[in-house]
Amino acid sequence: MKISRRSFIKAAGAVAGYAVLGVNIAKEAVADVMDMVARRQNSVYAADANPAIYKLRKSQDNPMIVKIYDPKKGFLHEGPCGHESHELLHTHYYDRSSKLEALKKKGIKLNL
């Protein structure tokens, strides 16, 4: 059975919580956290349902974004898919696999 790091950390945290706090207290703590998460989700959904709370619901309607991409005097006047915006806003990929291979040849074990 394969287990991911995230699953292992969750399981280890639960086991440590049960060991330190005891089963009943840990169950209550988990229930409190889940209650808080449910209340937060309900408040987010309620805010989304009420457009008076958040007037800007889409990023493309943001006045600053509209101003940046303005065709006449905007900073990125070419538009959202222009060359300048691509150069400034996008990341680049660098192949580093050869460096990893060199570390492995030296005997260094990496858990990625």
PDB file of N, CA and C in Angstrom:
ATOM      1  N   MET A   1       0.839  -1.183   0.000  1.00  0.00           N
ATOM      2  CA  MET A   1       0.000   0.000   0.000  1.00  0.00           C
ATOM      3  C   MET A   1       0.882   1.244   0.000  1.00  0.00           C
ATOM      4  N   LYS A   2       0.649   2.121  -0.964  1.00  0.00           N
ATOM      5  CA  LYS A   2       1.391   3.376  -1.035  1.00  0.00           C
ATOM      6  C   LYS A   2       0.617   4.454  -0.296  1.00  0.00           C
ATOM      7  N   ILE A   3       1.345   5.286   0.441  1.00  0.00           N
ATOM      8  CA  ILE A   3       0.708   6.379   1.173  1.00  0.00           C
ATOM      9  C   ILE A   3       1.471   7.661   0.832  1.00  0.00           C
ATOM     10  N   SER A   4       0.734   8.718   0.562  1.00  0.00           N
ATOM     11  CA  SER A   4       1.376   9.986   0.217  1.00  0.00           C
ATOM     12  C   SER A   4       1.852  10.686   1.483  1.00  0.00           C
ATOM     13  N   ARG A   5       2.714  11.667   1.285  1.00  0.00           N
ATOM     14  CA  ARG A   5       3.210  12.423   2.438  1.00  0.00           C
ATOM     15  C   ARG A   5       2.081  13.133   3.161  1.00  0.00           C
ATOM     16  N   ARG A   6       1.165  13.688   2.385  1.00  0.00           N
ATOM     17  CA  ARG A   6       0.050  14.423   2.989  1.00  0.00           C
ATOM     18  C   ARG A   6      -0.815  13.494   3.841  1.00  0.00           C
ATOM     19  N   SER A   7      -1.105  12.307   3.321  1.00  0.00           N
ATOM     20  CA  SER A   7      -1.904  11.349   4.090  1.00  0.00           C
ATOM     21  C   SER A   7      -1.168  10.907   5.338  1.00  0.00           C
ATOM     22  N   PHE A   8       0.146  10.705   5.217  1.00  0.00           N
ATOM     23  CA  PHE A   8       0.929  10.301   6.381  1.00  0.00           C
ATOM     24  C   PHE A   8       0.902  11.379   7.454  1.00  0.00           C
ATOM     25  N   ILE A   9       1.060  12.639   7.054  1.00  0.00           N
ATOM     26  CA  ILE A   9       1.061  13.735   8.022  1.00  0.00           C
ATOM     27  C   ILE A   9      -0.300  13.852   8.698  1.00  0.00           C
ATOM     28  N   LYS A  10      -1.374  13.684   7.935  1.00  0.00           N
ATOM     29  CA  LYS A  10      -2.711  13.717   8.535  1.00  0.00           C
ATOM     30  C   LYS A  10      -2.878  12.601   9.545  1.00  0.00           C
ATOM     31  N   ALA A  11      -2.473  11.405   9.154  1.00  0.00           N
ATOM     32  CA  ALA A  11      -2.618  10.264  10.057  1.00  0.00           C
ATOM     33  C   ALA A  11      -1.744  10.430  11.289  1.00  0.00           C
ATOM     34  N   ALA A  12      -0.508  10.885  11.103  1.00  0.00           N
ATOM     35  CA  ALA A  12       0.388  11.075  12.242  1.00  0.00           C
ATOM     36  C   ALA A  12      -0.146  12.158  13.182  1.00  0.00           C
ATOM     37  N   GLY A  13      -0.709  13.207  12.622  1.00  0.00           N
ATOM     38  CA  GLY A  13      -1.305  14.254  13.463  1.00  0.00           C
ATOM     39  C   GLY A  13      -2.484  13.750  14.257  1.00  0.00           C
ATOM     40  N   ALA A  14      -3.326  12.933  13.626  1.00  0.00           N
ATOM     41  CA  ALA A  14      -4.479  12.372  14.346  1.00  0.00           C
ATOM     42  C   ALA A  14      -4.022  11.438  15.450  1.00  0.00           C
ATOM     43  N   VAL A  15      -3.047  10.601  15.168  1.00  0.00           N
ATOM     44  CA  VAL A  15      -2.542   9.663  16.181  1.00  0.00           C
ATOM     45  C   VAL A  15      -1.907  10.429  17.324  1.00  0.00           C
ATOM     46  N   ALA A  16      -1.115  11.466  17.006  1.00  0.00           N
ATOM     47  CA  ALA A  16      -0.492  12.259  18.062  1.00  0.00           C
ATOM     48  C   ALA A  16      -1.553  12.977  18.901  1.00  0.00           C
ATOM     49  N   GLY A  17      -2.595  13.472  18.247  1.00  0.00           N
ATOM     50  CA  GLY A  17      -3.678  14.135  18.985  1.00  0.00           C
ATOM     51  C   GLY A  17      -4.387  13.188  19.919  1.00  0.00           C
ATOM     52  N   TYR A  18      -4.667  11.986  19.444  1.00  0.00           N
ATOM     53  CA  TYR A  18      -5.311  10.995  20.303  1.00  0.00           C
ATOM     54  C   TYR A  18      -4.392  10.584  21.448  1.00  0.00           C
ATOM     55  N   ALA A  19      -3.092  10.473  21.193  1.00  0.00           N
ATOM     56  CA  ALA A  19      -2.152  10.058  22.225  1.00  0.00           C
ATOM     57  C   ALA A  19      -2.013  11.129  23.308  1.00  0.00           C
ATOM     58  N   VAL A  20      -1.959  12.375  22.894  1.00  0.00           N
ATOM     59  CA  VAL A  20      -1.749  13.466  23.848  1.00  0.00           C
ATOM     60  C   VAL A  20      -3.043  13.845  24.558  1.00  0.00           C
ATOM     61  N   LEU A  21      -4.119  13.974  23.831  1.00  0.00           N
ATOM     62  CA  LEU A  21      -5.351  14.489  24.403  1.00  0.00           C
ATOM     63  C   LEU A  21      -6.312  13.419  24.890  1.00  0.00           C
ATOM     64  N   GLY A  22      -6.154  12.240  24.417  1.00  0.00           N
ATOM     65  CA  GLY A  22      -7.132  11.216  24.731  1.00  0.00           C
ATOM     66  C   GLY A  22      -8.208  11.197  23.667  1.00  0.00           C
ATOM     67  N   VAL A  23      -8.908  10.092  23.562  1.00  0.00           N
ATOM     68  CA  VAL A  23      -9.863   9.894  22.483  1.00  0.00           C
ATOM     69  C   VAL A  23     -11.037  10.866  22.566  1.00  0.00           C
ATOM     70  N   ASN A  24     -11.613  11.041  23.737  1.00  0.00           N
ATOM     71  CA  ASN A  24     -12.807  11.892  23.856  1.00  0.00           C
ATOM     72  C   ASN A  24     -12.502  13.359  23.569  1.00  0.00           C
ATOM     73  N   ILE A  25     -11.416  13.867  24.114  1.00  0.00           N
ATOM     74  CA  ILE A  25     -11.065  15.270  23.894  1.00  0.00           C
ATOM     75  C   ILE A  25     -10.712  15.500  22.424  1.00  0.00           C
ATOM     76  N   ALA A  26     -10.006  14.541  21.827  1.00  0.00           N
ATOM     77  CA  ALA A  26      -9.643  14.678  20.418  1.00  0.00           C
ATOM     78  C   ALA A  26     -10.882  14.673  19.537  1.00  0.00           C
ATOM     79  N   LYS A  27     -11.856  13.833  19.855  1.00  0.00           N
ATOM     80  CA  LYS A  27     -13.106  13.812  19.079  1.00  0.00           C
ATOM     81  C   LYS A  27     -13.819  15.152  19.178  1.00  0.00           C
ATOM     82  N   GLU A  28     -13.840  15.728  20.387  1.00  0.00           N
ATOM     83  CA  GLU A  28     -14.473  17.031  20.564  1.00  0.00           C
ATOM     84  C   GLU A  28     -13.735  18.117  19.780  1.00  0.00           C
ATOM     85  N   ALA A  29     -12.402  18.060  19.787  1.00  0.00           N
ATOM     86  CA  ALA A  29     -11.610  19.055  19.049  1.00  0.00           C
ATOM     87  C   ALA A  29     -11.880  18.948  17.550  1.00  0.00           C
ATOM     88  N   VAL A  30     -11.934  17.729  17.037  1.00  0.00           N
ATOM     89  CA  VAL A  30     -12.220  17.531  15.612  1.00  0.00           C
ATOM     90  C   VAL A  30     -13.621  18.025  15.283  1.00  0.00           C
ATOM     91  N   ALA A  31     -14.586  17.749  16.153  1.00  0.00           N
ATOM     92  CA  ALA A  31     -15.956  18.203  15.927  1.00  0.00           C
ATOM     93  C   ALA A  31     -16.025  19.734  15.919  1.00  0.00           C
ATOM     94  N   ASP A  32     -15.278  20.384  16.819  1.00  0.00           N
ATOM     95  CA  ASP A  32     -15.259  21.849  16.857  1.00  0.00           C
ATOM     96  C   ASP A  32     -14.662  22.431  15.576  1.00  0.00           C
ATOM     97  N   VAL A  33     -13.580  21.821  15.099  1.00  0.00           N
ATOM     98  CA  VAL A  33     -12.952  22.301  13.875  1.00  0.00           C
ATOM     99  C   VAL A  33     -13.903  22.128  12.695  1.00  0.00           C
ATOM    100  N   MET A  34     -14.551  20.990  12.609  1.00  0.00           N
ATOM    101  CA  MET A  34     -15.478  20.748  11.505  1.00  0.00           C
ATOM    102  C   MET A  34     -16.674  21.706  11.570  1.00  0.00           C
ATOM    103  N   ASP A  35     -17.123  22.036  12.783  1.00  0.00           N
ATOM    104  CA  ASP A  35     -18.206  22.998  12.948  1.00  0.00           C
ATOM    105  C   ASP A  35     -17.765  24.380  12.450  1.00  0.00           C
ATOM    106  N   MET A  36     -16.527  24.766  12.782  1.00  0.00           N
ATOM    107  CA  MET A  36     -16.008  26.052  12.337  1.00  0.00           C
ATOM    108  C   MET A  36     -15.890  26.077  10.808  1.00  0.00           C
ATOM    109  N   VAL A  37     -15.427  24.988  10.217  1.00  0.00           N
ATOM    110  CA  VAL A  37     -15.302  24.922   8.764  1.00  0.00           C
ATOM    111  C   VAL A  37     -16.681  25.049   8.111  1.00  0.00           C
ATOM    112  N   ALA A  38     -17.671  24.375   8.673  1.00  0.00           N
ATOM    113  CA  ALA A  38     -19.029  24.449   8.121  1.00  0.00           C
ATOM    114  C   ALA A  38     -19.582  25.870   8.215  1.00  0.00           C
ATOM    115  N   ARG A  39     -19.345  26.540   9.357  1.00  0.00           N
ATOM    116  CA  ARG A  39     -19.824  27.923   9.494  1.00  0.00           C
ATOM    117  C   ARG A  39     -19.122  28.844   8.503  1.00  0.00           C
ATOM    118  N   ARG A  40     -17.827  28.627   8.291  1.00  0.00           N
ATOM    119  CA  ARG A  40     -17.086  29.451   7.328  1.00  0.00           C
ATOM    120  C   ARG A  40     -17.604  29.228   5.918  1.00  0.00           C
ATOM    121  N   GLN A  41     -17.856  27.969   5.555  1.00  0.00           N
ATOM    122  CA  GLN A  41     -18.400  27.682   4.227  1.00  0.00           C
ATOM    123  C   GLN A  41     -19.761  28.346   4.053  1.00  0.00           C
ATOM    124  N   ASN A  42     -20.600  28.269   5.053  1.00  0.00           N
ATOM    125  CA  ASN A  42     -21.930  28.883   4.958  1.00  0.00           C
ATOM    126  C   ASN A  42     -21.832  30.393   4.793  1.00  0.00           C
ATOM    127  N   SER A  43     -20.890  31.030   5.500  1.00  0.00           N
ATOM    128  CA  SER A  43     -20.761  32.483   5.376  1.00  0.00           C
ATOM    129  C   SER A  43     -20.226  32.867   3.992  1.00  0.00           C
ATOM    130  N   VAL A  44     -19.311  32.063   3.439  1.00  0.00           N
ATOM    131  CA  VAL A  44     -18.799  32.348   2.099  1.00  0.00           C
ATOM    132  C   VAL A  44     -19.908  32.192   1.063  1.00  0.00           C
ATOM    133  N   TYR A  45     -20.692  31.132   1.176  1.00  0.00           N
ATOM    134  CA  TYR A  45     -21.796  30.920   0.235  1.00  0.00           C
ATOM    135  C   TYR A  45     -22.847  32.021   0.359  1.00  0.00           C
ATOM    136  N   ALA A  46     -23.109  32.479   1.583  1.00  0.00           N
ATOM    137  CA  ALA A  46     -24.075  33.558   1.784  1.00  0.00           C
ATOM    138  C   ALA A  46     -23.571  34.858   1.156  1.00  0.00           C
ATOM    139  N   ALA A  47     -22.272  35.134   1.309  1.00  0.00           N
ATOM    140  CA  ALA A  47     -21.703  36.338   0.705  1.00  0.00           C
ATOM    141  C   ALA A  47     -21.748  36.247  -0.818  1.00  0.00           C
ATOM    142  N   ASP A  48     -21.500  35.071  -1.372  1.00  0.00           N
ATOM    143  CA  ASP A  48     -21.569  34.898  -2.826  1.00  0.00           C
ATOM    144  C   ASP A  48     -22.989  35.070  -3.341  1.00  0.00           C
ATOM    145  N   ALA A  49     -23.954  34.680  -2.546  1.00  0.00           N
ATOM    146  CA  ALA A  49     -25.348  34.784  -2.970  1.00  0.00           C
ATOM    147  C   ALA A  49     -25.853  36.224  -2.921  1.00  0.00           C
ATOM    148  N   ASN A  50     -25.176  37.101  -2.170  1.00  0.00           N
ATOM    149  CA  ASN A  50     -25.607  38.481  -2.007  1.00  0.00           C
ATOM    150  C   ASN A  50     -24.664  39.403  -2.787  1.00  0.00           C
ATOM    151  N   PRO A  51     -25.041  39.831  -3.990  1.00  0.00           N
ATOM    152  CA  PRO A  51     -24.136  40.654  -4.803  1.00  0.00           C
ATOM    153  C   PRO A  51     -23.891  42.042  -4.224  1.00  0.00           C
ATOM    154  N   ALA A  52     -24.693  42.484  -3.264  1.00  0.00           N
ATOM    155  CA  ALA A  52     -24.476  43.797  -2.674  1.00  0.00           C
ATOM    156  C   ALA A  52     -23.207  43.818  -1.816  1.00  0.00           C
ATOM    157  N   ILE A  53     -22.776  42.666  -1.321  1.00  0.00           N
ATOM    158  CA  ILE A  53     -21.591  42.611  -0.468  1.00  0.00           C
ATOM    159  C   ILE A  53     -20.328  42.774  -1.306  1.00  0.00           C
ATOM    160  N   TYR A  54     -20.236  42.009  -2.390  1.00  0.00           N
ATOM    161  CA  TYR A  54     -19.065  42.084  -3.259  1.00  0.00           C
ATOM    162  C   TYR A  54     -19.505  42.593  -4.624  1.00  0.00           C
ATOM    163  N   LYS A  55     -19.158  43.840  -4.915  1.00  0.00           N
ATOM    164  CA  LYS A  55     -19.579  44.437  -6.178  1.00  0.00           C
ATOM    165  C   LYS A  55     -18.755  43.896  -7.351  1.00  0.00           C
ATOM    166  N   LEU A  56     -17.484  43.605  -7.099  1.00  0.00           N
ATOM    167  CA  LEU A  56     -16.621  43.060  -8.145  1.00  0.00           C
ATOM    168  C   LEU A  56     -16.550  41.548  -7.984  1.00  0.00           C
ATOM    169  N   ARG A  57     -17.325  40.854  -8.778  1.00  0.00           N
ATOM    170  CA  ARG A  57     -17.361  39.401  -8.658  1.00  0.00           C
ATOM    171  C   ARG A  57     -16.447  38.724  -9.666  1.00  0.00           C
ATOM    172  N   LYS A  58     -16.009  39.456 -10.684  1.00  0.00           N
ATOM    173  CA  LYS A  58     -15.133  38.894 -11.713  1.00  0.00           C
ATOM    174  C   LYS A  58     -13.899  39.768 -11.836  1.00  0.00           C
ATOM    175  N   SER A  59     -12.742  39.147 -11.967  1.00  0.00           N
ATOM    176  CA  SER A  59     -11.502  39.919 -12.031  1.00  0.00           C
ATOM    177  C   SER A  59     -11.441  40.796 -13.270  1.00  0.00           C
ATOM    178  N   GLN A  60     -12.044  40.367 -14.366  1.00  0.00           N
ATOM    179  CA  GLN A  60     -11.999  41.175 -15.584  1.00  0.00           C
ATOM    180  C   GLN A  60     -12.839  42.449 -15.467  1.00  0.00           C
ATOM    181  N   ASP A  61     -13.697  42.555 -14.452  1.00  0.00           N
ATOM    182  CA  ASP A  61     -14.479  43.775 -14.225  1.00  0.00           C
ATOM    183  C   ASP A  61     -13.780  44.755 -13.284  1.00  0.00           C
ATOM    184  N   ASN A  62     -12.639  44.389 -12.758  1.00  0.00           N
ATOM    185  CA  ASN A  62     -11.893  45.242 -11.843  1.00  0.00           C
ATOM    186  C   ASN A  62     -11.410  46.472 -12.613  1.00  0.00           C
ATOM    187  N   PRO A  63     -11.704  47.692 -12.109  1.00  0.00           N
ATOM    188  CA  PRO A  63     -11.327  48.901 -12.850  1.00  0.00           C
ATOM    189  C   PRO A  63      -9.820  49.043 -13.057  1.00  0.00           C
ATOM    190  N   MET A  64      -8.998  48.551 -12.129  1.00  0.00           N
ATOM    191  CA  MET A  64      -7.552  48.642 -12.301  1.00  0.00           C
ATOM    192  C   MET A  64      -7.074  47.733 -13.436  1.00  0.00           C
ATOM    193  N   ILE A  65      -7.660  46.557 -13.554  1.00  0.00           N
ATOM    194  CA  ILE A  65      -7.299  45.641 -14.636  1.00  0.00           C
ATOM    195  C   ILE A  65      -7.729  46.230 -15.980  1.00  0.00           C
ATOM    196  N   VAL A  66      -8.917  46.812 -16.015  1.00  0.00           N
ATOM    197  CA  VAL A  66      -9.398  47.455 -17.248  1.00  0.00           C
ATOM    198  C   VAL A  66      -8.443  48.585 -17.644  1.00  0.00           C
ATOM    199  N   LYS A  67      -7.980  49.351 -16.671  1.00  0.00           N
ATOM    200  CA  LYS A  67      -7.074  50.467 -16.938  1.00  0.00           C
ATOM    201  C   LYS A  67      -5.715  49.971 -17.446  1.00  0.00           C
ATOM    202  N   ILE A  68      -5.212  48.880 -16.888  1.00  0.00           N
ATOM    203  CA  ILE A  68      -3.914  48.345 -17.322  1.00  0.00           C
ATOM    204  C   ILE A  68      -3.969  47.885 -18.776  1.00  0.00           C
ATOM    205  N   TYR A  69      -5.081  47.252 -19.157  1.00  0.00           N
ATOM    206  CA  TYR A  69      -5.206  46.708 -20.511  1.00  0.00           C
ATOM    207  C   TYR A  69      -5.900  47.665 -21.477  1.00  0.00           C
ATOM    208  N   ASP A  70      -6.064  48.927 -21.116  1.00  0.00           N
ATOM    209  CA  ASP A  70      -6.705  49.906 -21.998  1.00  0.00           C
ATOM    210  C   ASP A  70      -5.906  50.032 -23.301  1.00  0.00           C
ATOM    211  N   PRO A  71      -6.562  49.854 -24.453  1.00  0.00           N
ATOM    212  CA  PRO A  71      -5.837  49.875 -25.738  1.00  0.00           C
ATOM    213  C   PRO A  71      -5.169  51.216 -26.063  1.00  0.00           C
ATOM    214  N   LYS A  72      -5.680  52.321 -25.523  1.00  0.00           N
ATOM    215  CA  LYS A  72      -5.132  53.633 -25.875  1.00  0.00           C
ATOM    216  C   LYS A  72      -3.987  54.067 -24.959  1.00  0.00           C
ATOM    217  N   LYS A  73      -4.152  53.911 -23.644  1.00  0.00           N
ATOM    218  CA  LYS A  73      -3.111  54.412 -22.743  1.00  0.00           C
ATOM    219  C   LYS A  73      -2.789  53.449 -21.608  1.00  0.00           C
ATOM    220  N   GLY A  74      -3.120  52.203 -21.766  1.00  0.00           N
ATOM    221  CA  GLY A  74      -2.827  51.227 -20.728  1.00  0.00           C
ATOM    222  C   GLY A  74      -1.390  50.732 -20.789  1.00  0.00           C
ATOM    223  N   PHE A  75      -0.896  50.258 -19.665  1.00  0.00           N
ATOM    224  CA  PHE A  75       0.472  49.745 -19.568  1.00  0.00           C
ATOM    225  C   PHE A  75       0.659  48.532 -20.479  1.00  0.00           C
ATOM    226  N   LEU A  76      -0.321  47.629 -20.479  1.00  0.00           N
ATOM    227  CA  LEU A  76      -0.270  46.439 -21.337  1.00  0.00           C
ATOM    228  C   LEU A  76      -1.286  46.598 -22.458  1.00  0.00           C
ATOM    229  N   HIS A  77      -1.103  47.631 -23.284  1.00  0.00           N
ATOM    230  CA  HIS A  77      -2.086  48.026 -24.297  1.00  0.00           C
ATOM    231  C   HIS A  77      -2.299  46.985 -25.384  1.00  0.00           C
ATOM    232  N   GLU A  78      -1.397  46.007 -25.514  1.00  0.00           N
ATOM    233  CA  GLU A  78      -1.573  44.973 -26.547  1.00  0.00           C
ATOM    234  C   GLU A  78      -2.727  44.032 -26.213  1.00  0.00           C
ATOM    235  N   GLY A  79      -3.114  43.989 -24.952  1.00  0.00           N
ATOM    236  CA  GLY A  79      -4.187  43.100 -24.525  1.00  0.00           C
ATOM    237  C   GLY A  79      -3.663  41.979 -23.637  1.00  0.00           C
ATOM    238  N   PRO A  80      -4.582  41.203 -23.098  1.00  0.00           N
ATOM    239  CA  PRO A  80      -4.203  40.159 -22.144  1.00  0.00           C
ATOM    240  C   PRO A  80      -3.301  39.075 -22.734  1.00  0.00           C
ATOM    241  N   CYS A  81      -3.342  38.851 -24.023  1.00  0.00           N
ATOM    242  CA  CYS A  81      -2.537  37.788 -24.636  1.00  0.00           C
ATOM    243  C   CYS A  81      -1.404  38.356 -25.479  1.00  0.00           C
ATOM    244  N   GLY A  82      -1.037  39.597 -25.227  1.00  0.00           N
ATOM    245  CA  GLY A  82       0.022  40.219 -26.000  1.00  0.00           C
ATOM    246  C   GLY A  82       1.402  39.758 -25.562  1.00  0.00           C
ATOM    247  N   HIS A  83       2.401  40.128 -26.360  1.00  0.00           N
ATOM    248  CA  HIS A  83       3.780  39.711 -26.095  1.00  0.00           C
ATOM    249  C   HIS A  83       4.292  40.277 -24.768  1.00  0.00           C
ATOM    250  N   GLU A  84       4.025  41.557 -24.534  1.00  0.00           N
ATOM    251  CA  GLU A  84       4.539  42.205 -23.326  1.00  0.00           C
ATOM    252  C   GLU A  84       3.934  41.595 -22.067  1.00  0.00           C
ATOM    253  N   SER A  85       2.633  41.360 -22.065  1.00  0.00           N
ATOM    254  CA  SER A  85       2.007  40.751 -20.891  1.00  0.00           C
ATOM    255  C   SER A  85       2.514  39.325 -20.693  1.00  0.00           C
ATOM    256  N   HIS A  86       2.764  38.623 -21.798  1.00  0.00           N
ATOM    257  CA  HIS A  86       3.298  37.269 -21.681  1.00  0.00           C
ATOM    258  C   HIS A  86       4.682  37.293 -21.025  1.00  0.00           C
ATOM    259  N   GLU A  87       5.538  38.218 -21.448  1.00  0.00           N
ATOM    260  CA  GLU A  87       6.889  38.304 -20.893  1.00  0.00           C
ATOM    261  C   GLU A  87       6.865  38.690 -19.412  1.00  0.00           C
ATOM    262  N   LEU A  88       5.959  39.584 -19.026  1.00  0.00           N
ATOM    263  CA  LEU A  88       5.941  40.071 -17.647  1.00  0.00           C
ATOM    264  C   LEU A  88       5.204  39.153 -16.674  1.00  0.00           C
ATOM    265  N   LEU A  89       4.173  38.481 -17.141  1.00  0.00           N
ATOM    266  CA  LEU A  89       3.282  37.773 -16.228  1.00  0.00           C
ATOM    267  C   LEU A  89       3.435  36.262 -16.217  1.00  0.00           C
ATOM    268  N   HIS A  90       4.195  35.707 -17.144  1.00  0.00           N
ATOM    269  CA  HIS A  90       4.310  34.252 -17.203  1.00  0.00           C
ATOM    270  C   HIS A  90       5.671  33.782 -16.697  1.00  0.00           C
ATOM    271  N   THR A  91       5.682  32.588 -16.138  1.00  0.00           N
ATOM    272  CA  THR A  91       6.918  32.007 -15.649  1.00  0.00           C
ATOM    273  C   THR A  91       7.554  31.160 -16.748  1.00  0.00           C
ATOM    274  N   HIS A  92       8.774  30.758 -16.529  1.00  0.00           N
ATOM    275  CA  HIS A  92       9.503  29.954 -17.497  1.00  0.00           C
ATOM    276  C   HIS A  92       9.949  28.659 -16.849  1.00  0.00           C
ATOM    277  N   TYR A  93      10.006  27.615 -17.633  1.00  0.00           N
ATOM    278  CA  TYR A  93      10.409  26.301 -17.159  1.00  0.00           C
ATOM    279  C   TYR A  93      11.896  26.104 -17.429  1.00  0.00           C
ATOM    280  N   TYR A  94      12.604  25.636 -16.422  1.00  0.00           N
ATOM    281  CA  TYR A  94      14.008  25.303 -16.566  1.00  0.00           C
ATOM    282  C   TYR A  94      14.178  23.838 -16.191  1.00  0.00           C
ATOM    283  N   ASP A  95      14.742  23.059 -17.087  1.00  0.00           N
ATOM    284  CA  ASP A  95      14.944  21.635 -16.844  1.00  0.00           C
ATOM    285  C   ASP A  95      16.120  21.457 -15.881  1.00  0.00           C
ATOM    286  N   ARG A  96      15.837  20.936 -14.697  1.00  0.00           N
ATOM    287  CA  ARG A  96      16.857  20.728 -13.683  1.00  0.00           C
ATOM    288  C   ARG A  96      17.079  19.238 -13.405  1.00  0.00           C
ATOM    289  N   SER A  97      16.607  18.393 -14.308  1.00  0.00           N
ATOM    290  CA  SER A  97      16.730  16.955 -14.079  1.00  0.00           C
ATOM    291  C   SER A  97      18.185  16.499 -14.077  1.00  0.00           C
ATOM    292  N   SER A  98      19.054  17.153 -14.849  1.00  0.00           N
ATOM    293  CA  SER A  98      20.462  16.757 -14.861  1.00  0.00           C
ATOM    294  C   SER A  98      21.119  17.013 -13.503  1.00  0.00           C
ATOM    295  N   LYS A  99      20.718  18.080 -12.822  1.00  0.00           N
ATOM    296  CA  LYS A  99      21.258  18.362 -11.485  1.00  0.00           C
ATOM    297  C   LYS A  99      20.788  17.322 -10.482  1.00  0.00           C
ATOM    298  N   LEU A 100      19.528  16.890 -10.615  1.00  0.00           N
ATOM    299  CA  LEU A 100      19.027  15.834  -9.734  1.00  0.00           C
ATOM    300  C   LEU A 100      19.771  14.528  -9.963  1.00  0.00           C
ATOM    301  N   GLU A 101      20.019  14.216 -11.220  1.00  0.00           N
ATOM    302  CA  GLU A 101      20.764  12.994 -11.539  1.00  0.00           C
ATOM    303  C   GLU A 101      22.176  13.053 -10.958  1.00  0.00           C
ATOM    304  N   ALA A 102      22.809  14.217 -11.016  1.00  0.00           N
ATOM    305  CA  ALA A 102      24.158  14.363 -10.458  1.00  0.00           C
ATOM    306  C   ALA A 102      24.145  14.136  -8.952  1.00  0.00           C
ATOM    307  N   LEU A 103      23.126  14.635  -8.258  1.00  0.00           N
ATOM    308  CA  LEU A 103      23.018  14.410  -6.822  1.00  0.00           C
ATOM    309  C   LEU A 103      22.799  12.939  -6.509  1.00  0.00           C
ATOM    310  N   LYS A 104      21.982  12.284  -7.307  1.00  0.00           N
ATOM    311  CA  LYS A 104      21.730  10.853  -7.103  1.00  0.00           C
ATOM    312  C   LYS A 104      22.990  10.036  -7.306  1.00  0.00           C
ATOM    313  N   LYS A 105      23.828  10.419  -8.287  1.00  0.00           N
ATOM    314  CA  LYS A 105      25.083   9.706  -8.536  1.00  0.00           C
ATOM    315  C   LYS A 105      26.052   9.869  -7.377  1.00  0.00           C
ATOM    316  N   LYS A 106      25.945  10.997  -6.663  1.00  0.00           N
ATOM    317  CA  LYS A 106      26.797  11.218  -5.491  1.00  0.00           C
ATOM    318  C   LYS A 106      26.323  10.423  -4.279  1.00  0.00           C
ATOM    319  N   GLY A 107      25.129   9.821  -4.393  1.00  0.00           N
ATOM    320  CA  GLY A 107      24.611   9.019  -3.292  1.00  0.00           C
ATOM    321  C   GLY A 107      23.616   9.757  -2.408  1.00  0.00           C
ATOM    322  N   ILE A 108      23.239  10.949  -2.807  1.00  0.00           N
ATOM    323  CA  ILE A 108      22.263  11.724  -2.020  1.00  0.00           C
ATOM    324  C   ILE A 108      20.879  11.273  -2.399  1.00  0.00           C
ATOM    325  N   LYS A 109      20.110  10.856  -1.406  1.00  0.00           N
ATOM    326  CA  LYS A 109      18.748  10.382  -1.659  1.00  0.00           C
ATOM    327  C   LYS A 109      17.776  11.525  -1.400  1.00  0.00           C
ATOM    328  N   LEU A 110      16.916  11.758  -2.358  1.00  0.00           N
ATOM    329  CA  LEU A 110      15.921  12.823  -2.255  1.00  0.00           C
ATOM    330  C   LEU A 110      14.530  12.224  -2.241  1.00  0.00           C
ATOM    331  N   ASN A 111      13.697  12.685  -1.356  1.00  0.00           N
ATOM    332  CA  ASN A 111      12.286  12.292  -1.332  1.00  0.00           C
ATOM    333  C   ASN A 111      11.476  13.415  -1.943  1.00  0.00           C
ATOM    334  N   LEU A 112      11.121  13.282  -3.188  1.00  0.00           N
ATOM    335  CA  LEU A 112      10.359  14.337  -3.867  1.00  0.00           C
ATOM    336  C   LEU A 112       8.961  13.890  -4.109  1.00  0.00           C
TER     337      LEU A 112
END
